[in-house]
Amino acid sequence: IDALDALAAEHTIPTYIGFDCTADSLHVGSLVQIMMLRIL
């Protein structure tokens, strides 16, 4: 976390989350990950 924090303070970090296509929509159970990408 400390190295990641230092990197995020100085550089733009390309960051990914994967989502398998098991249904034709996501539900609220995936919303934390979506919000994390939005905040990022």
Full PDB file with SEQRES, HELIX, SHEET, SSBOND, CRYST1, ORIGX, SCALE, CONECT and MASTER records, all heavy atoms in Angstrom:
SEQRES   1 A   40  ILE ASP ALA LEU ASP ALA LEU ALA ALA GLU HIS THR ILE          
SEQRES   2 A   40  PRO THR TYR ILE GLY PHE ASP CYS THR ALA ASP SER LEU          
SEQRES   3 A   40  HIS VAL GLY SER LEU VAL GLN ILE MET MET LEU ARG ILE          
SEQRES   4 A   40  LEU                                                          
HELIX    1 AA1 ASP A    2  GLU A   10  1                                   9    
HELIX    2 AA2 VAL A   28  SER A   30  5                                   3    
HELIX    3 AA3 LEU A   31  ILE A   39  1                                   9    
CRYST1    1.000    1.000    1.000  90.00  90.00  90.00 P 1           1          
ORIGX1      1.000000  0.000000  0.000000        0.00000                         
ORIGX2      0.000000  1.000000  0.000000        0.00000                         
ORIGX3      0.000000  0.000000  1.000000        0.00000                         
SCALE1      1.000000  0.000000  0.000000        0.00000                         
SCALE2      0.000000  1.000000  0.000000        0.00000                         
SCALE3      0.000000  0.000000  1.000000        0.00000                         
ATOM      1  N   ILE A   1       0.813  -1.209   0.000  1.00  0.00           N  
ATOM      2  CA  ILE A   1       0.000   0.000   0.000  1.00  0.00           C  
ATOM      3  C   ILE A   1       0.850   1.264   0.000  1.00  0.00           C  
ATOM      4  O   ILE A   1       0.499   2.268  -0.637  1.00  0.00           O  
ATOM      5  CB  ILE A   1      -0.985  -0.010   1.196  1.00  0.00           C  
ATOM      6  CG1 ILE A   1      -2.053   1.071   1.028  1.00  0.00           C  
ATOM      7  CG2 ILE A   1      -0.247   0.135   2.504  1.00  0.00           C  
ATOM      8  CD1 ILE A   1      -3.018   0.808  -0.083  1.00  0.00           C  
ATOM      9  N   ASP A   2       1.996   1.244   0.674  1.00  0.00           N  
ATOM     10  CA  ASP A   2       2.837   2.444   0.737  1.00  0.00           C  
ATOM     11  C   ASP A   2       3.463   2.751  -0.627  1.00  0.00           C  
ATOM     12  O   ASP A   2       3.489   3.913  -1.060  1.00  0.00           O  
ATOM     13  CB  ASP A   2       3.930   2.277   1.793  1.00  0.00           C  
ATOM     14  CG  ASP A   2       3.359   2.230   3.206  1.00  0.00           C  
ATOM     15  OD1 ASP A   2       2.296   2.848   3.438  1.00  0.00           O  
ATOM     16  OD2 ASP A   2       3.972   1.583   4.075  1.00  0.00           O  
ATOM     17  N   ALA A   3       3.963   1.715  -1.296  1.00  0.00           N  
ATOM     18  CA  ALA A   3       4.555   1.920  -2.623  1.00  0.00           C  
ATOM     19  C   ALA A   3       3.484   2.346  -3.621  1.00  0.00           C  
ATOM     20  O   ALA A   3       3.718   3.214  -4.471  1.00  0.00           O  
ATOM     21  CB  ALA A   3       5.245   0.638  -3.095  1.00  0.00           C  
ATOM     22  N   LEU A   4       2.304   1.746  -3.530  1.00  0.00           N  
ATOM     23  CA  LEU A   4       1.203   2.117  -4.415  1.00  0.00           C  
ATOM     24  C   LEU A   4       0.773   3.555  -4.169  1.00  0.00           C  
ATOM     25  O   LEU A   4       0.518   4.312  -5.123  1.00  0.00           O  
ATOM     26  CB  LEU A   4       0.019   1.159  -4.195  1.00  0.00           C  
ATOM     27  CG  LEU A   4      -1.241   1.419  -5.008  1.00  0.00           C  
ATOM     28  CD1 LEU A   4      -0.961   1.325  -6.503  1.00  0.00           C  
ATOM     29  CD2 LEU A   4      -2.339   0.435  -4.615  1.00  0.00           C  
ATOM     30  N   ASP A   5       0.710   3.947  -2.923  1.00  0.00           N  
ATOM     31  CA  ASP A   5       0.347   5.319  -2.562  1.00  0.00           C  
ATOM     32  C   ASP A   5       1.354   6.310  -3.128  1.00  0.00           C  
ATOM     33  O   ASP A   5       0.968   7.349  -3.701  1.00  0.00           O  
ATOM     34  CB  ASP A   5       0.285   5.433  -1.039  1.00  0.00           C  
ATOM     35  CG  ASP A   5      -0.076   6.827  -0.559  1.00  0.00           C  
ATOM     36  OD1 ASP A   5      -0.967   7.452  -1.172  1.00  0.00           O  
ATOM     37  OD2 ASP A   5       0.523   7.276   0.436  1.00  0.00           O  
ATOM     38  N   ALA A   6       2.635   6.008  -2.996  1.00  0.00           N  
ATOM     39  CA  ALA A   6       3.681   6.897  -3.531  1.00  0.00           C  
ATOM     40  C   ALA A   6       3.582   7.005  -5.047  1.00  0.00           C  
ATOM     41  O   ALA A   6       3.736   8.095  -5.617  1.00  0.00           O  
ATOM     42  CB  ALA A   6       5.055   6.375  -3.116  1.00  0.00           C  
ATOM     43  N   LEU A   7       3.315   5.889  -5.709  1.00  0.00           N  
ATOM     44  CA  LEU A   7       3.172   5.885  -7.165  1.00  0.00           C  
ATOM     45  C   LEU A   7       1.963   6.714  -7.595  1.00  0.00           C  
ATOM     46  O   LEU A   7       2.047   7.523  -8.529  1.00  0.00           O  
ATOM     47  CB  LEU A   7       3.024   4.443  -7.667  1.00  0.00           C  
ATOM     48  CG  LEU A   7       2.965   4.247  -9.182  1.00  0.00           C  
ATOM     49  CD1 LEU A   7       4.310   4.595  -9.818  1.00  0.00           C  
ATOM     50  CD2 LEU A   7       2.578   2.807  -9.509  1.00  0.00           C  
ATOM     51  N   ALA A   8       0.836   6.558  -6.891  1.00  0.00           N  
ATOM     52  CA  ALA A   8      -0.387   7.277  -7.237  1.00  0.00           C  
ATOM     53  C   ALA A   8      -0.250   8.778  -7.003  1.00  0.00           C  
ATOM     54  O   ALA A   8      -0.916   9.585  -7.655  1.00  0.00           O  
ATOM     55  CB  ALA A   8      -1.565   6.732  -6.424  1.00  0.00           C  
ATOM     56  N   ALA A   9       0.621   9.165  -6.074  1.00  0.00           N  
ATOM     57  CA  ALA A   9       0.832  10.584  -5.784  1.00  0.00           C  
ATOM     58  C   ALA A   9       1.621  11.283  -6.878  1.00  0.00           C  
ATOM     59  O   ALA A   9       1.518  12.508  -7.040  1.00  0.00           O  
ATOM     60  CB  ALA A   9       1.546  10.735  -4.439  1.00  0.00           C  
ATOM     61  N   GLU A  10       2.384  10.519  -7.654  1.00  0.00           N  
ATOM     62  CA  GLU A  10       3.282  11.114  -8.653  1.00  0.00           C  
ATOM     63  C   GLU A  10       2.904  10.807 -10.097  1.00  0.00           C  
ATOM     64  O   GLU A  10       3.266  11.559 -10.998  1.00  0.00           O  
ATOM     65  CB  GLU A  10       4.713  10.618  -8.399  1.00  0.00           C  
ATOM     66  CG  GLU A  10       5.278  10.990  -7.044  1.00  0.00           C  
ATOM     67  CD  GLU A  10       5.488  12.493  -6.890  1.00  0.00           C  
ATOM     68  OE1 GLU A  10       5.665  13.165  -7.940  1.00  0.00           O  
ATOM     69  OE2 GLU A  10       5.462  12.984  -5.745  1.00  0.00           O  
ATOM     70  N   HIS A  11       2.183   9.708 -10.334  1.00  0.00           N  
ATOM     71  CA  HIS A  11       1.940   9.265 -11.710  1.00  0.00           C  
ATOM     72  C   HIS A  11       0.484   8.863 -11.923  1.00  0.00           C  
ATOM     73  O   HIS A  11      -0.236   8.546 -10.975  1.00  0.00           O  
ATOM     74  CB  HIS A  11       2.844   8.071 -12.049  1.00  0.00           C  
ATOM     75  CG  HIS A  11       4.306   8.340 -11.888  1.00  0.00           C  
ATOM     76  ND1 HIS A  11       5.061   9.044 -12.810  1.00  0.00           N  
ATOM     77  CD2 HIS A  11       5.165   8.004 -10.877  1.00  0.00           C  
ATOM     78  CE1 HIS A  11       6.306   9.121 -12.404  1.00  0.00           C  
ATOM     79  NE2 HIS A  11       6.396   8.500 -11.224  1.00  0.00           N  
ATOM     80  N   THR A  12       0.095   8.880 -13.202  1.00  0.00           N  
ATOM     81  CA  THR A  12      -1.203   8.326 -13.590  1.00  0.00           C  
ATOM     82  C   THR A  12      -1.087   6.808 -13.645  1.00  0.00           C  
ATOM     83  O   THR A  12      -0.205   6.276 -14.314  1.00  0.00           O  
ATOM     84  CB  THR A  12      -1.639   8.859 -14.970  1.00  0.00           C  
ATOM     85  OG1 THR A  12      -1.779  10.279 -14.891  1.00  0.00           O  
ATOM     86  CG2 THR A  12      -2.961   8.239 -15.406  1.00  0.00           C  
ATOM     87  N   ILE A  13      -1.962   6.112 -12.930  1.00  0.00           N  
ATOM     88  CA  ILE A  13      -1.882   4.654 -12.843  1.00  0.00           C  
ATOM     89  C   ILE A  13      -2.992   4.009 -13.682  1.00  0.00           C  
ATOM     90  O   ILE A  13      -4.169   4.124 -13.340  1.00  0.00           O  
ATOM     91  CB  ILE A  13      -2.011   4.167 -11.388  1.00  0.00           C  
ATOM     92  CG1 ILE A  13      -0.932   4.793 -10.509  1.00  0.00           C  
ATOM     93  CG2 ILE A  13      -1.922   2.652 -11.329  1.00  0.00           C  
ATOM     94  CD1 ILE A  13      -1.018   4.364  -9.064  1.00  0.00           C  
ATOM     95  N   PRO A  14      -2.635   3.331 -14.771  1.00  0.00           N  
ATOM     96  CA  PRO A  14      -3.641   2.519 -15.473  1.00  0.00           C  
ATOM     97  C   PRO A  14      -4.026   1.330 -14.582  1.00  0.00           C  
ATOM     98  O   PRO A  14      -3.157   0.590 -14.103  1.00  0.00           O  
ATOM     99  CB  PRO A  14      -2.910   2.056 -16.744  1.00  0.00           C  
ATOM    100  CG  PRO A  14      -1.734   2.992 -16.877  1.00  0.00           C  
ATOM    101  CD  PRO A  14      -1.345   3.333 -15.470  1.00  0.00           C  
ATOM    102  N   THR A  15      -5.319   1.179 -14.353  1.00  0.00           N  
ATOM    103  CA  THR A  15      -5.819   0.200 -13.375  1.00  0.00           C  
ATOM    104  C   THR A  15      -6.976  -0.585 -13.969  1.00  0.00           C  
ATOM    105  O   THR A  15      -7.874  -0.003 -14.577  1.00  0.00           O  
ATOM    106  CB  THR A  15      -6.305   0.925 -12.111  1.00  0.00           C  
ATOM    107  OG1 THR A  15      -5.228   1.678 -11.553  1.00  0.00           O  
ATOM    108  CG2 THR A  15      -6.843  -0.054 -11.085  1.00  0.00           C  
ATOM    109  N   TYR A  16      -6.969  -1.894 -13.740  1.00  0.00           N  
ATOM    110  CA  TYR A  16      -8.068  -2.679 -14.312  1.00  0.00           C  
ATOM    111  C   TYR A  16      -8.824  -3.488 -13.278  1.00  0.00           C  
ATOM    112  O   TYR A  16      -8.313  -3.861 -12.227  1.00  0.00           O  
ATOM    113  CB  TYR A  16      -7.540  -3.576 -15.431  1.00  0.00           C  
ATOM    114  CG  TYR A  16      -7.262  -5.021 -15.109  1.00  0.00           C  
ATOM    115  CD1 TYR A  16      -8.243  -6.004 -15.278  1.00  0.00           C  
ATOM    116  CD2 TYR A  16      -5.994  -5.437 -14.669  1.00  0.00           C  
ATOM    117  CE1 TYR A  16      -7.984  -7.343 -15.020  1.00  0.00           C  
ATOM    118  CE2 TYR A  16      -5.722  -6.772 -14.413  1.00  0.00           C  
ATOM    119  CZ  TYR A  16      -6.722  -7.716 -14.582  1.00  0.00           C  
ATOM    120  OH  TYR A  16      -6.460  -9.050 -14.325  1.00  0.00           O  
ATOM    121  N   ILE A  17     -10.086  -3.723 -13.620  1.00  0.00           N  
ATOM    122  CA  ILE A  17     -10.930  -4.705 -12.938  1.00  0.00           C  
ATOM    123  C   ILE A  17     -11.593  -5.535 -14.035  1.00  0.00           C  
ATOM    124  O   ILE A  17     -12.044  -4.991 -15.044  1.00  0.00           O  
ATOM    125  CB  ILE A  17     -12.005  -4.050 -12.051  1.00  0.00           C  
ATOM    126  CG1 ILE A  17     -11.363  -3.174 -10.978  1.00  0.00           C  
ATOM    127  CG2 ILE A  17     -12.879  -5.124 -11.398  1.00  0.00           C  
ATOM    128  CD1 ILE A  17     -12.369  -2.471 -10.071  1.00  0.00           C  
ATOM    129  N   GLY A  18     -11.641  -6.833 -13.828  1.00  0.00           N  
ATOM    130  CA  GLY A  18     -12.250  -7.721 -14.809  1.00  0.00           C  
ATOM    131  C   GLY A  18     -13.688  -8.070 -14.450  1.00  0.00           C  
ATOM    132  O   GLY A  18     -14.034  -8.219 -13.268  1.00  0.00           O  
ATOM    133  N   PHE A  19     -14.524  -8.202 -15.479  1.00  0.00           N  
ATOM    134  CA  PHE A  19     -15.935  -8.545 -15.293  1.00  0.00           C  
ATOM    135  C   PHE A  19     -16.304  -9.624 -16.308  1.00  0.00           C  
ATOM    136  O   PHE A  19     -16.304  -9.368 -17.519  1.00  0.00           O  
ATOM    137  CB  PHE A  19     -16.830  -7.318 -15.494  1.00  0.00           C  
ATOM    138  CG  PHE A  19     -16.552  -6.198 -14.520  1.00  0.00           C  
ATOM    139  CD1 PHE A  19     -15.562  -5.265 -14.796  1.00  0.00           C  
ATOM    140  CD2 PHE A  19     -17.262  -6.096 -13.342  1.00  0.00           C  
ATOM    141  CE1 PHE A  19     -15.291  -4.230 -13.907  1.00  0.00           C  
ATOM    142  CE2 PHE A  19     -16.997  -5.070 -12.444  1.00  0.00           C  
ATOM    143  CZ  PHE A  19     -16.010  -4.135 -12.722  1.00  0.00           C  
ATOM    144  N   ASP A  20     -16.589 -10.815 -15.830  1.00  0.00           N  
ATOM    145  CA  ASP A  20     -17.015 -11.879 -16.738  1.00  0.00           C  
ATOM    146  C   ASP A  20     -18.442 -11.620 -17.215  1.00  0.00           C  
ATOM    147  O   ASP A  20     -19.262 -11.015 -16.512  1.00  0.00           O  
ATOM    148  CB  ASP A  20     -16.922 -13.244 -16.055  1.00  0.00           C  
ATOM    149  CG  ASP A  20     -15.514 -13.820 -16.107  1.00  0.00           C  
ATOM    150  OD1 ASP A  20     -14.671 -13.261 -16.832  1.00  0.00           O  
ATOM    151  OD2 ASP A  20     -15.251 -14.835 -15.418  1.00  0.00           O  
ATOM    152  N   CYS A  21     -18.722 -12.115 -18.418  1.00  0.00           N  
ATOM    153  CA  CYS A  21     -19.999 -11.810 -19.081  1.00  0.00           C  
ATOM    154  C   CYS A  21     -21.015 -12.925 -18.823  1.00  0.00           C  
ATOM    155  O   CYS A  21     -21.498 -13.581 -19.751  1.00  0.00           O  
ATOM    156  CB  CYS A  21     -19.765 -11.630 -20.579  1.00  0.00           C  
ATOM    157  SG  CYS A  21     -18.425 -10.473 -20.976  1.00  0.00           S  
ATOM    158  N   THR A  22     -21.360 -13.135 -17.555  1.00  0.00           N  
ATOM    159  CA  THR A  22     -22.255 -14.235 -17.190  1.00  0.00           C  
ATOM    160  C   THR A  22     -23.721 -13.842 -17.229  1.00  0.00           C  
ATOM    161  O   THR A  22     -24.599 -14.694 -17.122  1.00  0.00           O  
ATOM    162  CB  THR A  22     -21.908 -14.753 -15.784  1.00  0.00           C  
ATOM    163  OG1 THR A  22     -21.918 -13.650 -14.860  1.00  0.00           O  
ATOM    164  CG2 THR A  22     -20.516 -15.376 -15.772  1.00  0.00           C  
ATOM    165  N   ALA A  23     -24.030 -12.545 -17.356  1.00  0.00           N  
ATOM    166  CA  ALA A  23     -25.407 -12.069 -17.465  1.00  0.00           C  
ATOM    167  C   ALA A  23     -25.390 -10.803 -18.312  1.00  0.00           C  
ATOM    168  O   ALA A  23     -24.322 -10.206 -18.547  1.00  0.00           O  
ATOM    169  CB  ALA A  23     -26.007 -11.789 -16.089  1.00  0.00           C  
ATOM    170  N   ASP A  24     -26.567 -10.375 -18.772  1.00  0.00           N  
ATOM    171  CA  ASP A  24     -26.617  -9.213 -19.652  1.00  0.00           C  
ATOM    172  C   ASP A  24     -26.672  -7.892 -18.890  1.00  0.00           C  
ATOM    173  O   ASP A  24     -26.964  -6.843 -19.461  1.00  0.00           O  
ATOM    174  CB  ASP A  24     -27.797  -9.319 -20.633  1.00  0.00           C  
ATOM    175  CG  ASP A  24     -29.140  -9.437 -19.926  1.00  0.00           C  
ATOM    176  OD1 ASP A  24     -29.159  -9.475 -18.680  1.00  0.00           O  
ATOM    177  OD2 ASP A  24     -30.165  -9.512 -20.632  1.00  0.00           O  
ATOM    178  N   SER A  25     -26.406  -7.942 -17.599  1.00  0.00           N  
ATOM    179  CA  SER A  25     -26.270  -6.740 -16.783  1.00  0.00           C  
ATOM    180  C   SER A  25     -25.444  -7.096 -15.563  1.00  0.00           C  
ATOM    181  O   SER A  25     -25.296  -8.273 -15.218  1.00  0.00           O  
ATOM    182  CB  SER A  25     -27.650  -6.219 -16.347  1.00  0.00           C  
ATOM    183  OG  SER A  25     -27.519  -5.122 -15.441  1.00  0.00           O  
ATOM    184  N   LEU A  26     -24.889  -6.082 -14.922  1.00  0.00           N  
ATOM    185  CA  LEU A  26     -24.299  -6.258 -13.602  1.00  0.00           C  
ATOM    186  C   LEU A  26     -25.347  -5.870 -12.564  1.00  0.00           C  
ATOM    187  O   LEU A  26     -26.308  -5.164 -12.877  1.00  0.00           O  
ATOM    188  CB  LEU A  26     -23.059  -5.377 -13.456  1.00  0.00           C  
ATOM    189  CG  LEU A  26     -21.902  -5.667 -14.416  1.00  0.00           C  
ATOM    190  CD1 LEU A  26     -20.800  -4.629 -14.261  1.00  0.00           C  
ATOM    191  CD2 LEU A  26     -21.349  -7.065 -14.214  1.00  0.00           C  
ATOM    192  N   HIS A  27     -25.170  -6.345 -11.328  1.00  0.00           N  
ATOM    193  CA  HIS A  27     -26.088  -5.935 -10.279  1.00  0.00           C  
ATOM    194  C   HIS A  27     -25.322  -5.224  -9.168  1.00  0.00           C  
ATOM    195  O   HIS A  27     -24.108  -4.991  -9.274  1.00  0.00           O  
ATOM    196  CB  HIS A  27     -26.917  -7.111  -9.757  1.00  0.00           C  
ATOM    197  CG  HIS A  27     -26.128  -8.258  -9.201  1.00  0.00           C  
ATOM    198  ND1 HIS A  27     -25.255  -8.136  -8.149  1.00  0.00           N  
ATOM    199  CD2 HIS A  27     -26.100  -9.568  -9.546  1.00  0.00           C  
ATOM    200  CE1 HIS A  27     -24.723  -9.295  -7.859  1.00  0.00           C  
ATOM    201  NE2 HIS A  27     -25.210 -10.199  -8.700  1.00  0.00           N  
ATOM    202  N   VAL A  28     -26.036  -4.857  -8.124  1.00  0.00           N  
ATOM    203  CA  VAL A  28     -25.456  -4.049  -7.052  1.00  0.00           C  
ATOM    204  C   VAL A  28     -24.238  -4.715  -6.422  1.00  0.00           C  
ATOM    205  O   VAL A  28     -23.360  -4.037  -5.890  1.00  0.00           O  
ATOM    206  CB  VAL A  28     -26.545  -3.731  -5.999  1.00  0.00           C  
ATOM    207  CG1 VAL A  28     -25.943  -3.224  -4.706  1.00  0.00           C  
ATOM    208  CG2 VAL A  28     -27.510  -2.691  -6.554  1.00  0.00           C  
ATOM    209  N   GLY A  29     -24.142  -6.038  -6.522  1.00  0.00           N  
ATOM    210  CA  GLY A  29     -22.978  -6.734  -5.993  1.00  0.00           C  
ATOM    211  C   GLY A  29     -21.676  -6.329  -6.652  1.00  0.00           C  
ATOM    212  O   GLY A  29     -20.591  -6.521  -6.092  1.00  0.00           O  
ATOM    213  N   SER A  30     -21.752  -5.757  -7.855  1.00  0.00           N  
ATOM    214  CA  SER A  30     -20.548  -5.281  -8.566  1.00  0.00           C  
ATOM    215  C   SER A  30     -20.342  -3.780  -8.407  1.00  0.00           C  
ATOM    216  O   SER A  30     -19.372  -3.234  -8.947  1.00  0.00           O  
ATOM    217  CB  SER A  30     -20.666  -5.602 -10.065  1.00  0.00           C  
ATOM    218  OG  SER A  30     -20.732  -6.987 -10.297  1.00  0.00           O  
ATOM    219  N   LEU A  31     -21.231  -3.121  -7.675  1.00  0.00           N  
ATOM    220  CA  LEU A  31     -21.202  -1.666  -7.652  1.00  0.00           C  
ATOM    221  C   LEU A  31     -19.999  -1.099  -6.901  1.00  0.00           C  
ATOM    222  O   LEU A  31     -19.520  -0.011  -7.241  1.00  0.00           O  
ATOM    223  CB  LEU A  31     -22.508  -1.131  -7.050  1.00  0.00           C  
ATOM    224  CG  LEU A  31     -22.795   0.355  -7.256  1.00  0.00           C  
ATOM    225  CD1 LEU A  31     -22.664   0.763  -8.711  1.00  0.00           C  
ATOM    226  CD2 LEU A  31     -24.194   0.705  -6.733  1.00  0.00           C  
ATOM    227  N   VAL A  32     -19.489  -1.806  -5.913  1.00  0.00           N  
ATOM    228  CA  VAL A  32     -18.287  -1.327  -5.226  1.00  0.00           C  
ATOM    229  C   VAL A  32     -17.135  -1.203  -6.222  1.00  0.00           C  
ATOM    230  O   VAL A  32     -16.424  -0.187  -6.250  1.00  0.00           O  
ATOM    231  CB  VAL A  32     -17.899  -2.260  -4.059  1.00  0.00           C  
ATOM    232  CG1 VAL A  32     -16.462  -2.006  -3.613  1.00  0.00           C  
ATOM    233  CG2 VAL A  32     -18.823  -2.046  -2.878  1.00  0.00           C  
ATOM    234  N   GLN A  33     -16.935  -2.235  -7.050  1.00  0.00           N  
ATOM    235  CA  GLN A  33     -15.851  -2.188  -8.027  1.00  0.00           C  
ATOM    236  C   GLN A  33     -16.063  -1.075  -9.056  1.00  0.00           C  
ATOM    237  O   GLN A  33     -15.116  -0.395  -9.463  1.00  0.00           O  
ATOM    238  CB  GLN A  33     -15.725  -3.541  -8.747  1.00  0.00           C  
ATOM    239  CG  GLN A  33     -14.971  -4.595  -7.953  1.00  0.00           C  
ATOM    240  CD  GLN A  33     -15.739  -5.089  -6.742  1.00  0.00           C  
ATOM    241  OE1 GLN A  33     -16.902  -5.472  -6.862  1.00  0.00           O  
ATOM    242  NE2 GLN A  33     -15.113  -5.075  -5.583  1.00  0.00           N  
ATOM    243  N   ILE A  34     -17.307  -0.873  -9.472  1.00  0.00           N  
ATOM    244  CA  ILE A  34     -17.608   0.200 -10.423  1.00  0.00           C  
ATOM    245  C   ILE A  34     -17.318   1.558  -9.801  1.00  0.00           C  
ATOM    246  O   ILE A  34     -16.719   2.435 -10.435  1.00  0.00           O  
ATOM    247  CB  ILE A  34     -19.076   0.106 -10.882  1.00  0.00           C  
ATOM    248  CG1 ILE A  34     -19.321  -1.204 -11.640  1.00  0.00           C  
ATOM    249  CG2 ILE A  34     -19.446   1.292 -11.765  1.00  0.00           C  
ATOM    250  CD1 ILE A  34     -20.774  -1.478 -11.961  1.00  0.00           C  
ATOM    251  N   MET A  35     -17.715   1.748  -8.556  1.00  0.00           N  
ATOM    252  CA  MET A  35     -17.454   3.016  -7.871  1.00  0.00           C  
ATOM    253  C   MET A  35     -15.959   3.243  -7.674  1.00  0.00           C  
ATOM    254  O   MET A  35     -15.479   4.385  -7.758  1.00  0.00           O  
ATOM    255  CB  MET A  35     -18.180   3.042  -6.528  1.00  0.00           C  
ATOM    256  CG  MET A  35     -19.694   3.156  -6.615  1.00  0.00           C  
ATOM    257  SD  MET A  35     -20.273   4.678  -7.400  1.00  0.00           S  
ATOM    258  CE  MET A  35     -19.698   5.913  -6.234  1.00  0.00           C  
ATOM    259  N   MET A  36     -15.213   2.172  -7.438  1.00  0.00           N  
ATOM    260  CA  MET A  36     -13.762   2.317  -7.293  1.00  0.00           C  
ATOM    261  C   MET A  36     -13.138   2.815  -8.599  1.00  0.00           C  
ATOM    262  O   MET A  36     -12.243   3.672  -8.587  1.00  0.00           O  
ATOM    263  CB  MET A  36     -13.144   0.988  -6.871  1.00  0.00           C  
ATOM    264  CG  MET A  36     -13.484   0.586  -5.437  1.00  0.00           C  
ATOM    265  SD  MET A  36     -12.893  -1.061  -4.987  1.00  0.00           S  
ATOM    266  CE  MET A  36     -11.130  -0.752  -4.770  1.00  0.00           C  
ATOM    267  N   LEU A  37     -13.598   2.290  -9.722  1.00  0.00           N  
ATOM    268  CA  LEU A  37     -13.094   2.766 -11.010  1.00  0.00           C  
ATOM    269  C   LEU A  37     -13.496   4.217 -11.248  1.00  0.00           C  
ATOM    270  O   LEU A  37     -12.713   5.007 -11.798  1.00  0.00           O  
ATOM    271  CB  LEU A  37     -13.623   1.881 -12.145  1.00  0.00           C  
ATOM    272  CG  LEU A  37     -13.032   0.474 -12.248  1.00  0.00           C  
ATOM    273  CD1 LEU A  37     -13.739  -0.326 -13.346  1.00  0.00           C  
ATOM    274  CD2 LEU A  37     -11.528   0.514 -12.516  1.00  0.00           C  
ATOM    275  N   ARG A  38     -14.703   4.573 -10.836  1.00  0.00           N  
ATOM    276  CA  ARG A  38     -15.161   5.958 -11.016  1.00  0.00           C  
ATOM    277  C   ARG A  38     -14.318   6.923 -10.174  1.00  0.00           C  
ATOM    278  O   ARG A  38     -13.883   7.972 -10.662  1.00  0.00           O  
ATOM    279  CB  ARG A  38     -16.635   6.066 -10.633  1.00  0.00           C  
ATOM    280  CG  ARG A  38     -17.216   7.466 -10.803  1.00  0.00           C  
ATOM    281  CD  ARG A  38     -18.693   7.489 -10.465  1.00  0.00           C  
ATOM    282  NE  ARG A  38     -19.218   8.842 -10.454  1.00  0.00           N  
ATOM    283  CZ  ARG A  38     -19.727   9.486 -11.492  1.00  0.00           C  
ATOM    284  NH1 ARG A  38     -19.766   8.884 -12.686  1.00  0.00           N  
ATOM    285  NH2 ARG A  38     -20.193  10.722 -11.390  1.00  0.00           N  
ATOM    286  N   ILE A  39     -14.090   6.581  -8.920  1.00  0.00           N  
ATOM    287  CA  ILE A  39     -13.266   7.426  -8.053  1.00  0.00           C  
ATOM    288  C   ILE A  39     -11.845   7.508  -8.598  1.00  0.00           C  
ATOM    289  O   ILE A  39     -11.221   8.573  -8.609  1.00  0.00           O  
ATOM    290  CB  ILE A  39     -13.281   6.891  -6.613  1.00  0.00           C  
ATOM    291  CG1 ILE A  39     -14.662   7.131  -5.993  1.00  0.00           C  
ATOM    292  CG2 ILE A  39     -12.186   7.536  -5.763  1.00  0.00           C  
ATOM    293  CD1 ILE A  39     -14.857   6.494  -4.645  1.00  0.00           C  
ATOM    294  N   LEU A  40     -11.313   6.367  -9.039  1.00  0.00           N  
ATOM    295  CA  LEU A  40      -9.972   6.340  -9.621  1.00  0.00           C  
ATOM    296  C   LEU A  40      -9.862   7.326 -10.779  1.00  0.00           C  
ATOM    297  O   LEU A  40      -8.888   8.084 -10.882  1.00  0.00           O  
ATOM    298  CB  LEU A  40      -9.659   4.916 -10.082  1.00  0.00           C  
ATOM    299  CG  LEU A  40      -8.284   4.693 -10.713  1.00  0.00           C  
ATOM    300  CD1 LEU A  40      -7.565   3.542 -10.013  1.00  0.00           C  
ATOM    301  CD2 LEU A  40      -8.405   4.359 -12.194  1.00  0.00           C  
TER     302      LEU A  40                                                      
MASTER        0    0    0    3    0    0    0    6  301    1    0    4          
END                                                                             
